[in-house]
Amino acid sequence: MRIGFFGSAYKDDEFPAVATAVEQLARSGGDLGFEVVGFVPRPLAQLRGLRWFPWRSRYPDFRRFLATRGWTAGLAPLRDLEFNRCKTAAKYLEYASLGIAGVYSDVPTYREAVSHGVNGLLVDHDQPTAWKEAIERLVREPGLRRGIVERAREDLLASYSPERYAASVAELLRRA
């Protein structure tokens, strides 16, 4: 089973709790592998067995590569900062479109898209135990994992279709 993260540089401050959880899980000797694409958080850089893959800057290449990884779960840590509240739930969309069950920080950015236990798991960003338990739960409960993947994909198709996006942009332009 593989747990993964992808992202750009300068995210070290997002990772202390996640890194603690991942280190504990890696030391437990279970059958979990951990992978990162692009940025390697400093707290995880020395983790034994961590697999790193370079960032693919062309989006089609990135998508094709990520689809080959077979991640059991994808991690999306994000601090509740004013700057981060301006972000979109892009990792949710990526994970949903790739059939990856996600564990997300319980912050407004993800709370708007993710319903805990339905289409993802929301955890307290600063609590290593919460991250560890969420990852373990997705590994231990394949029915939950499959249900999250299925409902996230249904949500993606219903709420984020190109047609729906075009309609919302058209509405914004109409109001302008």
N, C-alpha and C. Protein backbone atom coordinates (compact mmCIF):
# COMPACT_ATOMS: atom_id res chain seq x y z
N MET A 1 0.85 -1.17 0.00
CA MET A 1 0.00 0.00 0.00
C MET A 1 0.89 1.23 0.00
N ARG A 2 0.54 2.18 -0.84
CA ARG A 2 1.35 3.40 -0.96
C ARG A 2 0.55 4.63 -0.55
N ILE A 3 1.22 5.47 0.21
CA ILE A 3 0.66 6.75 0.62
C ILE A 3 1.49 7.82 -0.07
N GLY A 4 0.83 8.83 -0.65
CA GLY A 4 1.59 9.80 -1.42
C GLY A 4 1.22 11.23 -1.18
N PHE A 5 2.10 12.08 -1.66
CA PHE A 5 1.91 13.53 -1.64
C PHE A 5 2.60 14.09 -2.87
N PHE A 6 2.01 15.11 -3.47
CA PHE A 6 2.70 15.85 -4.51
C PHE A 6 2.55 17.33 -4.22
N GLY A 7 3.55 18.08 -4.59
CA GLY A 7 3.46 19.51 -4.39
C GLY A 7 4.72 20.24 -4.76
N SER A 8 4.60 21.54 -4.71
CA SER A 8 5.72 22.40 -5.04
C SER A 8 6.53 22.71 -3.79
N ALA A 9 7.65 23.36 -3.98
CA ALA A 9 8.58 23.65 -2.87
C ALA A 9 7.97 24.64 -1.88
N TYR A 10 8.67 24.79 -0.78
CA TYR A 10 8.33 25.75 0.27
C TYR A 10 7.08 25.35 1.04
N LYS A 11 6.89 24.08 1.27
CA LYS A 11 5.74 23.60 2.03
C LYS A 11 6.14 23.02 3.38
N ASP A 12 7.38 23.20 3.79
CA ASP A 12 7.84 22.58 5.04
C ASP A 12 6.95 22.90 6.22
N ASP A 13 6.44 24.12 6.29
CA ASP A 13 5.62 24.50 7.44
C ASP A 13 4.28 23.78 7.48
N GLU A 14 3.90 23.17 6.38
CA GLU A 14 2.64 22.42 6.34
C GLU A 14 2.78 21.03 6.94
N PHE A 15 4.02 20.55 7.15
CA PHE A 15 4.26 19.14 7.37
C PHE A 15 4.61 18.62 8.75
N PRO A 16 4.84 19.41 9.78
CA PRO A 16 5.30 18.80 11.04
C PRO A 16 4.41 17.66 11.54
N ALA A 17 3.11 17.86 11.60
CA ALA A 17 2.23 16.81 12.12
C ALA A 17 2.16 15.61 11.18
N VAL A 18 2.08 15.87 9.88
CA VAL A 18 2.03 14.79 8.91
C VAL A 18 3.32 13.99 8.96
N ALA A 19 4.45 14.68 9.02
CA ALA A 19 5.74 14.00 9.06
C ALA A 19 5.85 13.09 10.27
N THR A 20 5.39 13.56 11.43
CA THR A 20 5.41 12.74 12.64
C THR A 20 4.58 11.48 12.43
N ALA A 21 3.39 11.63 11.86
CA ALA A 21 2.51 10.48 11.61
C ALA A 21 3.15 9.50 10.64
N VAL A 22 3.70 10.02 9.55
CA VAL A 22 4.33 9.16 8.54
C VAL A 22 5.54 8.44 9.12
N GLU A 23 6.35 9.13 9.90
CA GLU A 23 7.51 8.49 10.54
C GLU A 23 7.07 7.37 11.47
N GLN A 24 6.02 7.59 12.24
CA GLN A 24 5.52 6.55 13.15
C GLN A 24 5.03 5.33 12.36
N LEU A 25 4.30 5.59 11.29
CA LEU A 25 3.79 4.49 10.46
C LEU A 25 4.93 3.74 9.78
N ALA A 26 5.92 4.47 9.29
CA ALA A 26 7.06 3.83 8.63
C ALA A 26 7.85 2.96 9.61
N ARG A 27 8.00 3.43 10.84
CA ARG A 27 8.75 2.67 11.85
C ARG A 27 7.99 1.46 12.34
N SER A 28 6.68 1.45 12.18
CA SER A 28 5.87 0.35 12.70
C SER A 28 6.11 -0.95 11.93
N GLY A 29 6.82 -0.84 10.80
CA GLY A 29 7.19 -2.05 10.07
C GLY A 29 6.06 -2.65 9.26
N GLY A 30 4.98 -1.92 9.07
CA GLY A 30 3.87 -2.44 8.28
C GLY A 30 4.20 -2.47 6.80
N ASP A 31 3.20 -2.72 6.02
CA ASP A 31 3.36 -2.87 4.58
C ASP A 31 3.05 -1.56 3.85
N LEU A 32 3.43 -0.44 4.45
CA LEU A 32 3.15 0.86 3.84
C LEU A 32 4.39 1.43 3.18
N GLY A 33 4.21 1.98 2.00
CA GLY A 33 5.26 2.71 1.33
C GLY A 33 4.84 4.17 1.23
N PHE A 34 5.81 5.06 1.24
CA PHE A 34 5.52 6.49 1.17
C PHE A 34 6.25 7.08 -0.01
N GLU A 35 5.51 7.90 -0.78
CA GLU A 35 6.06 8.51 -1.98
C GLU A 35 5.74 9.99 -2.01
N VAL A 36 6.67 10.76 -2.57
CA VAL A 36 6.44 12.17 -2.81
C VAL A 36 6.84 12.48 -4.24
N VAL A 37 6.09 13.35 -4.86
CA VAL A 37 6.37 13.80 -6.21
C VAL A 37 6.65 15.29 -6.13
N GLY A 38 7.81 15.68 -6.62
CA GLY A 38 8.19 17.09 -6.58
C GLY A 38 8.91 17.41 -5.30
N PHE A 39 8.25 18.11 -4.45
CA PHE A 39 8.81 18.61 -3.20
C PHE A 39 8.92 17.52 -2.14
N VAL A 40 10.08 17.45 -1.48
CA VAL A 40 10.25 16.55 -0.34
C VAL A 40 10.28 17.41 0.92
N PRO A 41 9.27 17.28 1.77
CA PRO A 41 9.27 18.05 3.01
C PRO A 41 10.51 17.72 3.84
N ARG A 42 11.15 18.73 4.36
CA ARG A 42 12.38 18.54 5.14
C ARG A 42 12.22 17.48 6.23
N PRO A 43 11.11 17.48 6.98
CA PRO A 43 11.00 16.45 8.02
C PRO A 43 10.96 15.02 7.49
N LEU A 44 10.66 14.85 6.20
CA LEU A 44 10.60 13.50 5.63
C LEU A 44 11.83 13.15 4.80
N ALA A 45 12.71 14.08 4.59
CA ALA A 45 13.85 13.87 3.69
C ALA A 45 14.71 12.68 4.08
N GLN A 46 14.83 12.41 5.37
CA GLN A 46 15.69 11.31 5.83
C GLN A 46 14.91 10.03 6.14
N LEU A 47 13.63 10.02 5.82
CA LEU A 47 12.80 8.85 6.13
C LEU A 47 13.26 7.66 5.29
N ARG A 48 13.60 6.63 5.97
CA ARG A 48 14.06 5.41 5.31
C ARG A 48 12.93 4.81 4.48
N GLY A 49 13.24 4.53 3.23
CA GLY A 49 12.25 3.91 2.36
C GLY A 49 11.36 4.89 1.61
N LEU A 50 11.48 6.17 1.89
CA LEU A 50 10.68 7.16 1.16
C LEU A 50 11.13 7.19 -0.29
N ARG A 51 10.18 7.14 -1.20
CA ARG A 51 10.50 7.23 -2.63
C ARG A 51 10.17 8.62 -3.12
N TRP A 52 11.12 9.21 -3.82
CA TRP A 52 10.94 10.55 -4.38
C TRP A 52 10.96 10.47 -5.89
N PHE A 53 10.08 11.24 -6.51
CA PHE A 53 10.03 11.33 -7.96
C PHE A 53 10.05 12.80 -8.35
N PRO A 54 10.77 13.14 -9.41
CA PRO A 54 10.84 14.55 -9.81
C PRO A 54 9.49 15.06 -10.31
N TRP A 55 9.33 16.35 -10.18
CA TRP A 55 8.12 17.03 -10.66
C TRP A 55 8.08 16.97 -12.18
N ARG A 56 6.94 16.74 -12.71
CA ARG A 56 6.74 16.82 -14.16
C ARG A 56 6.01 18.12 -14.44
N SER A 57 6.66 19.03 -15.14
CA SER A 57 6.07 20.36 -15.31
C SER A 57 4.98 20.38 -16.38
N ARG A 58 5.01 19.45 -17.31
CA ARG A 58 3.92 19.37 -18.28
C ARG A 58 2.77 18.60 -17.64
N TYR A 59 1.62 19.23 -17.58
CA TYR A 59 0.49 18.65 -16.86
C TYR A 59 0.10 17.26 -17.38
N PRO A 60 0.03 17.04 -18.68
CA PRO A 60 -0.32 15.68 -19.14
C PRO A 60 0.69 14.63 -18.66
N ASP A 61 1.98 14.98 -18.63
CA ASP A 61 2.99 14.06 -18.13
C ASP A 61 2.80 13.78 -16.64
N PHE A 62 2.51 14.84 -15.89
CA PHE A 62 2.27 14.71 -14.45
C PHE A 62 1.09 13.78 -14.20
N ARG A 63 -0.02 13.99 -14.91
CA ARG A 63 -1.22 13.17 -14.72
C ARG A 63 -0.95 11.70 -15.07
N ARG A 64 -0.30 11.48 -16.18
CA ARG A 64 0.00 10.09 -16.58
C ARG A 64 0.88 9.42 -15.53
N PHE A 65 1.90 10.13 -15.05
CA PHE A 65 2.79 9.54 -14.06
C PHE A 65 2.03 9.24 -12.77
N LEU A 66 1.27 10.20 -12.27
CA LEU A 66 0.56 10.01 -11.01
C LEU A 66 -0.42 8.84 -11.11
N ALA A 67 -1.02 8.67 -12.27
CA ALA A 67 -1.97 7.57 -12.47
C ALA A 67 -1.30 6.21 -12.36
N THR A 68 0.01 6.14 -12.56
CA THR A 68 0.72 4.86 -12.48
C THR A 68 1.11 4.49 -11.06
N ARG A 69 1.00 5.39 -10.11
CA ARG A 69 1.54 5.17 -8.78
C ARG A 69 0.67 4.25 -7.93
N GLY A 70 -0.62 4.19 -8.16
CA GLY A 70 -1.48 3.29 -7.39
C GLY A 70 -1.55 3.64 -5.91
N TRP A 71 -1.61 4.91 -5.59
CA TRP A 71 -1.66 5.32 -4.19
C TRP A 71 -2.94 4.86 -3.51
N THR A 72 -2.79 4.34 -2.31
CA THR A 72 -3.92 3.98 -1.46
C THR A 72 -4.57 5.24 -0.91
N ALA A 73 -3.73 6.20 -0.58
CA ALA A 73 -4.22 7.47 -0.03
C ALA A 73 -3.29 8.59 -0.45
N GLY A 74 -3.87 9.76 -0.63
CA GLY A 74 -3.11 10.96 -0.91
C GLY A 74 -3.27 11.93 0.25
N LEU A 75 -2.20 12.60 0.61
CA LEU A 75 -2.21 13.53 1.74
C LEU A 75 -2.29 14.96 1.24
N ALA A 76 -3.02 15.78 1.98
CA ALA A 76 -3.18 17.18 1.61
C ALA A 76 -3.16 18.05 2.86
N PRO A 77 -1.97 18.25 3.44
CA PRO A 77 -1.88 19.13 4.60
C PRO A 77 -1.91 20.59 4.17
N LEU A 78 -2.62 21.40 4.94
CA LEU A 78 -2.72 22.83 4.64
C LEU A 78 -3.07 23.57 5.92
N ARG A 79 -2.22 24.52 6.28
CA ARG A 79 -2.50 25.30 7.49
C ARG A 79 -3.65 26.27 7.25
N ASP A 80 -4.37 26.59 8.31
CA ASP A 80 -5.47 27.54 8.22
C ASP A 80 -4.91 28.96 8.34
N LEU A 81 -4.44 29.48 7.22
CA LEU A 81 -3.89 30.82 7.13
C LEU A 81 -4.73 31.63 6.15
N GLU A 82 -4.72 32.93 6.31
CA GLU A 82 -5.47 33.78 5.40
C GLU A 82 -5.08 33.51 3.94
N PHE A 83 -3.78 33.39 3.67
CA PHE A 83 -3.31 33.11 2.31
C PHE A 83 -3.89 31.79 1.81
N ASN A 84 -3.87 30.75 2.64
CA ASN A 84 -4.37 29.44 2.21
C ASN A 84 -5.88 29.42 2.03
N ARG A 85 -6.59 30.33 2.69
CA ARG A 85 -8.05 30.39 2.50
C ARG A 85 -8.42 30.89 1.12
N CYS A 86 -7.45 31.46 0.41
CA CYS A 86 -7.68 31.93 -0.97
C CYS A 86 -7.43 30.83 -1.99
N LYS A 87 -6.94 29.69 -1.54
CA LYS A 87 -6.64 28.59 -2.45
C LYS A 87 -7.89 27.79 -2.77
N THR A 88 -7.77 26.99 -3.82
CA THR A 88 -8.85 26.08 -4.16
C THR A 88 -8.52 24.69 -3.62
N ALA A 89 -9.48 23.82 -3.68
CA ALA A 89 -9.28 22.43 -3.23
C ALA A 89 -8.73 21.59 -4.38
N ALA A 90 -7.68 22.08 -5.02
CA ALA A 90 -7.12 21.42 -6.20
C ALA A 90 -6.66 19.99 -5.91
N LYS A 91 -6.06 19.75 -4.74
CA LYS A 91 -5.61 18.38 -4.43
C LYS A 91 -6.82 17.44 -4.34
N TYR A 92 -7.92 17.93 -3.80
CA TYR A 92 -9.14 17.10 -3.77
C TYR A 92 -9.53 16.72 -5.20
N LEU A 93 -9.53 17.69 -6.10
CA LEU A 93 -9.91 17.42 -7.48
C LEU A 93 -8.95 16.44 -8.15
N GLU A 94 -7.66 16.62 -7.90
CA GLU A 94 -6.67 15.70 -8.47
C GLU A 94 -6.87 14.29 -7.92
N TYR A 95 -6.95 14.17 -6.60
CA TYR A 95 -7.11 12.84 -6.02
C TYR A 95 -8.42 12.20 -6.48
N ALA A 96 -9.50 12.96 -6.49
CA ALA A 96 -10.79 12.41 -6.92
C ALA A 96 -10.73 11.92 -8.36
N SER A 97 -10.09 12.70 -9.22
CA SER A 97 -10.05 12.33 -10.63
C SER A 97 -9.13 11.13 -10.89
N LEU A 98 -8.21 10.86 -9.97
CA LEU A 98 -7.29 9.73 -10.13
C LEU A 98 -7.70 8.50 -9.31
N GLY A 99 -8.82 8.59 -8.62
CA GLY A 99 -9.28 7.45 -7.83
C GLY A 99 -8.45 7.21 -6.58
N ILE A 100 -7.97 8.30 -5.97
CA ILE A 100 -7.16 8.22 -4.75
C ILE A 100 -7.98 8.77 -3.59
N ALA A 101 -8.11 8.00 -2.53
CA ALA A 101 -8.79 8.48 -1.33
C ALA A 101 -7.88 9.50 -0.65
N GLY A 102 -8.43 10.64 -0.29
CA GLY A 102 -7.61 11.71 0.28
C GLY A 102 -7.82 11.92 1.76
N VAL A 103 -6.73 12.35 2.41
CA VAL A 103 -6.76 12.81 3.80
C VAL A 103 -6.37 14.28 3.75
N TYR A 104 -7.26 15.14 4.22
CA TYR A 104 -7.11 16.58 4.07
C TYR A 104 -7.13 17.27 5.43
N SER A 105 -6.38 18.37 5.52
CA SER A 105 -6.49 19.21 6.71
C SER A 105 -7.91 19.74 6.79
N ASP A 106 -8.45 19.78 7.99
CA ASP A 106 -9.80 20.29 8.21
C ASP A 106 -9.73 21.82 8.27
N VAL A 107 -9.66 22.42 7.09
CA VAL A 107 -9.59 23.88 6.94
C VAL A 107 -10.65 24.29 5.94
N PRO A 108 -11.05 25.57 5.93
CA PRO A 108 -12.12 26.00 5.01
C PRO A 108 -11.89 25.59 3.56
N THR A 109 -10.66 25.66 3.09
CA THR A 109 -10.36 25.32 1.69
C THR A 109 -10.84 23.92 1.34
N TYR A 110 -10.60 22.96 2.22
CA TYR A 110 -11.03 21.59 1.94
C TYR A 110 -12.43 21.30 2.46
N ARG A 111 -12.82 21.95 3.55
CA ARG A 111 -14.13 21.70 4.13
C ARG A 111 -15.26 22.03 3.16
N GLU A 112 -15.01 22.97 2.24
CA GLU A 112 -16.04 23.32 1.25
C GLU A 112 -16.26 22.20 0.24
N ALA A 113 -15.26 21.37 0.02
CA ALA A 113 -15.37 20.31 -0.99
C ALA A 113 -15.53 18.92 -0.38
N VAL A 114 -14.95 18.71 0.79
CA VAL A 114 -14.87 17.36 1.37
C VAL A 114 -15.84 17.22 2.54
N SER A 115 -16.62 16.16 2.49
CA SER A 115 -17.47 15.78 3.63
C SER A 115 -16.79 14.61 4.31
N HIS A 116 -16.44 14.79 5.58
CA HIS A 116 -15.67 13.78 6.31
C HIS A 116 -16.33 12.41 6.26
N GLY A 117 -15.55 11.43 5.82
CA GLY A 117 -16.04 10.06 5.76
C GLY A 117 -16.88 9.75 4.55
N VAL A 118 -17.18 10.78 3.75
CA VAL A 118 -18.01 10.58 2.57
C VAL A 118 -17.15 10.57 1.31
N ASN A 119 -16.48 11.68 1.05
CA ASN A 119 -15.63 11.77 -0.15
C ASN A 119 -14.18 12.10 0.20
N GLY A 120 -13.83 11.90 1.45
CA GLY A 120 -12.47 12.13 1.95
C GLY A 120 -12.49 12.11 3.46
N LEU A 121 -11.32 12.22 4.05
CA LEU A 121 -11.22 12.33 5.50
C LEU A 121 -10.61 13.66 5.85
N LEU A 122 -11.23 14.37 6.78
CA LEU A 122 -10.73 15.65 7.28
C LEU A 122 -10.10 15.43 8.65
N VAL A 123 -8.93 16.00 8.86
CA VAL A 123 -8.23 15.82 10.13
C VAL A 123 -7.71 17.16 10.64
N ASP A 124 -7.54 17.22 11.94
CA ASP A 124 -6.94 18.40 12.57
C ASP A 124 -5.51 18.52 12.06
N HIS A 125 -5.22 19.62 11.41
CA HIS A 125 -3.93 19.80 10.75
C HIS A 125 -2.74 19.61 11.69
N ASP A 126 -2.85 20.03 12.92
CA ASP A 126 -1.73 20.04 13.85
C ASP A 126 -1.61 18.79 14.71
N GLN A 127 -2.42 17.77 14.46
CA GLN A 127 -2.45 16.59 15.31
C GLN A 127 -1.89 15.36 14.59
N PRO A 128 -0.65 14.98 14.90
CA PRO A 128 -0.07 13.78 14.26
C PRO A 128 -0.94 12.54 14.42
N THR A 129 -1.56 12.40 15.59
CA THR A 129 -2.40 11.22 15.84
C THR A 129 -3.58 11.19 14.87
N ALA A 130 -4.14 12.33 14.56
CA ALA A 130 -5.28 12.39 13.63
C ALA A 130 -4.85 11.94 12.24
N TRP A 131 -3.69 12.40 11.77
CA TRP A 131 -3.18 11.99 10.46
C TRP A 131 -2.89 10.49 10.45
N LYS A 132 -2.23 10.02 11.49
CA LYS A 132 -1.88 8.59 11.57
C LYS A 132 -3.13 7.72 11.57
N GLU A 133 -4.11 8.08 12.38
CA GLU A 133 -5.34 7.28 12.45
C GLU A 133 -6.11 7.31 11.14
N ALA A 134 -6.13 8.44 10.46
CA ALA A 134 -6.84 8.54 9.18
C ALA A 134 -6.17 7.65 8.13
N ILE A 135 -4.84 7.69 8.06
CA ILE A 135 -4.11 6.85 7.11
C ILE A 135 -4.36 5.37 7.44
N GLU A 136 -4.22 5.03 8.70
CA GLU A 136 -4.45 3.63 9.11
C GLU A 136 -5.87 3.19 8.77
N ARG A 137 -6.81 4.07 8.95
CA ARG A 137 -8.20 3.73 8.68
C ARG A 137 -8.41 3.42 7.19
N LEU A 138 -7.82 4.23 6.32
CA LEU A 138 -7.95 3.97 4.89
C LEU A 138 -7.27 2.67 4.48
N VAL A 139 -6.18 2.35 5.14
CA VAL A 139 -5.47 1.10 4.85
C VAL A 139 -6.26 -0.09 5.38
N ARG A 140 -6.78 0.03 6.58
CA ARG A 140 -7.45 -1.06 7.28
C ARG A 140 -8.88 -1.32 6.77
N GLU A 141 -9.52 -0.28 6.22
CA GLU A 141 -10.92 -0.39 5.81
C GLU A 141 -11.08 -0.18 4.30
N PRO A 142 -10.86 -1.24 3.51
CA PRO A 142 -10.96 -1.08 2.06
C PRO A 142 -12.36 -0.63 1.59
N GLY A 143 -13.39 -1.02 2.32
CA GLY A 143 -14.75 -0.59 1.95
C GLY A 143 -14.90 0.91 2.09
N LEU A 144 -14.37 1.47 3.16
CA LEU A 144 -14.40 2.92 3.35
C LEU A 144 -13.60 3.60 2.24
N ARG A 145 -12.42 3.08 1.97
CA ARG A 145 -11.55 3.65 0.95
C ARG A 145 -12.25 3.63 -0.41
N ARG A 146 -12.81 2.51 -0.78
CA ARG A 146 -13.51 2.42 -2.08
C ARG A 146 -14.71 3.36 -2.13
N GLY A 147 -15.45 3.45 -1.02
CA GLY A 147 -16.60 4.35 -0.98
C GLY A 147 -16.19 5.80 -1.14
N ILE A 148 -15.12 6.19 -0.48
CA ILE A 148 -14.62 7.56 -0.61
C ILE A 148 -14.22 7.84 -2.06
N VAL A 149 -13.51 6.93 -2.66
CA VAL A 149 -13.08 7.10 -4.05
C VAL A 149 -14.30 7.25 -4.96
N GLU A 150 -15.28 6.38 -4.77
CA GLU A 150 -16.48 6.39 -5.61
C GLU A 150 -17.27 7.70 -5.44
N ARG A 151 -17.49 8.11 -4.19
CA ARG A 151 -18.28 9.33 -3.95
C ARG A 151 -17.51 10.59 -4.36
N ALA A 152 -16.19 10.58 -4.22
CA ALA A 152 -15.41 11.72 -4.68
C ALA A 152 -15.50 11.85 -6.20
N ARG A 153 -15.45 10.73 -6.88
CA ARG A 153 -15.56 10.77 -8.35
C ARG A 153 -16.96 11.23 -8.76
N GLU A 154 -17.99 10.75 -8.08
CA GLU A 154 -19.36 11.20 -8.38
C GLU A 154 -19.47 12.71 -8.15
N ASP A 155 -18.91 13.20 -7.05
CA ASP A 155 -18.93 14.63 -6.76
C ASP A 155 -18.18 15.41 -7.83
N LEU A 156 -17.05 14.90 -8.23
CA LEU A 156 -16.25 15.55 -9.26
C LEU A 156 -17.06 15.71 -10.54
N LEU A 157 -17.71 14.64 -10.97
CA LEU A 157 -18.49 14.69 -12.21
C LEU A 157 -19.72 15.59 -12.08
N ALA A 158 -20.35 15.58 -10.90
CA ALA A 158 -21.56 16.38 -10.71
C ALA A 158 -21.26 17.85 -10.46
N SER A 159 -20.20 18.13 -9.72
CA SER A 159 -19.97 19.51 -9.28
C SER A 159 -18.88 20.25 -10.04
N TYR A 160 -18.02 19.52 -10.72
CA TYR A 160 -16.86 20.16 -11.34
C TYR A 160 -16.73 19.84 -12.83
N SER A 161 -17.84 19.54 -13.47
CA SER A 161 -17.77 19.21 -14.89
C SER A 161 -17.41 20.45 -15.70
N PRO A 162 -16.84 20.26 -16.87
CA PRO A 162 -16.53 21.41 -17.73
C PRO A 162 -17.78 22.25 -18.04
N GLU A 163 -18.91 21.57 -18.22
CA GLU A 163 -20.15 22.28 -18.52
C GLU A 163 -20.57 23.18 -17.36
N ARG A 164 -20.45 22.63 -16.17
CA ARG A 164 -20.82 23.42 -14.98
C ARG A 164 -19.87 24.61 -14.81
N TYR A 165 -18.58 24.37 -15.04
CA TYR A 165 -17.60 25.44 -14.94
C TYR A 165 -17.89 26.53 -15.98
N ALA A 166 -18.16 26.13 -17.21
CA ALA A 166 -18.46 27.10 -18.27
C ALA A 166 -19.70 27.91 -17.92
N ALA A 167 -20.71 27.24 -17.36
CA ALA A 167 -21.93 27.95 -16.96
C ALA A 167 -21.64 28.96 -15.86
N SER A 168 -20.80 28.61 -14.90
CA SER A 168 -20.49 29.56 -13.81
C SER A 168 -19.68 30.75 -14.33
N VAL A 169 -18.77 30.51 -15.26
CA VAL A 169 -18.01 31.62 -15.86
C VAL A 169 -18.95 32.50 -16.67
N ALA A 170 -19.85 31.89 -17.44
CA ALA A 170 -20.81 32.67 -18.21
C ALA A 170 -21.67 33.53 -17.30
N GLU A 171 -22.07 32.98 -16.16
CA GLU A 171 -22.87 33.75 -15.19
C GLU A 171 -22.09 34.93 -14.64
N LEU A 172 -20.82 34.70 -14.32
CA LEU A 172 -19.97 35.81 -13.85
C LEU A 172 -19.83 36.89 -14.90
N LEU A 173 -19.65 36.51 -16.14
CA LEU A 173 -19.51 37.47 -17.23
C LEU A 173 -20.82 38.23 -17.45
N ARG A 174 -21.94 37.55 -17.31
CA ARG A 174 -23.25 38.18 -17.47
C ARG A 174 -23.44 39.27 -16.43
N ARG A 175 -22.98 39.01 -15.21
CA ARG A 175 -23.13 39.97 -14.11
C ARG A 175 -22.17 41.16 -14.22
N ALA A 176 -21.08 40.98 -14.94
CA ALA A 176 -20.04 42.03 -15.02
C ALA A 176 -20.46 43.23 -15.81
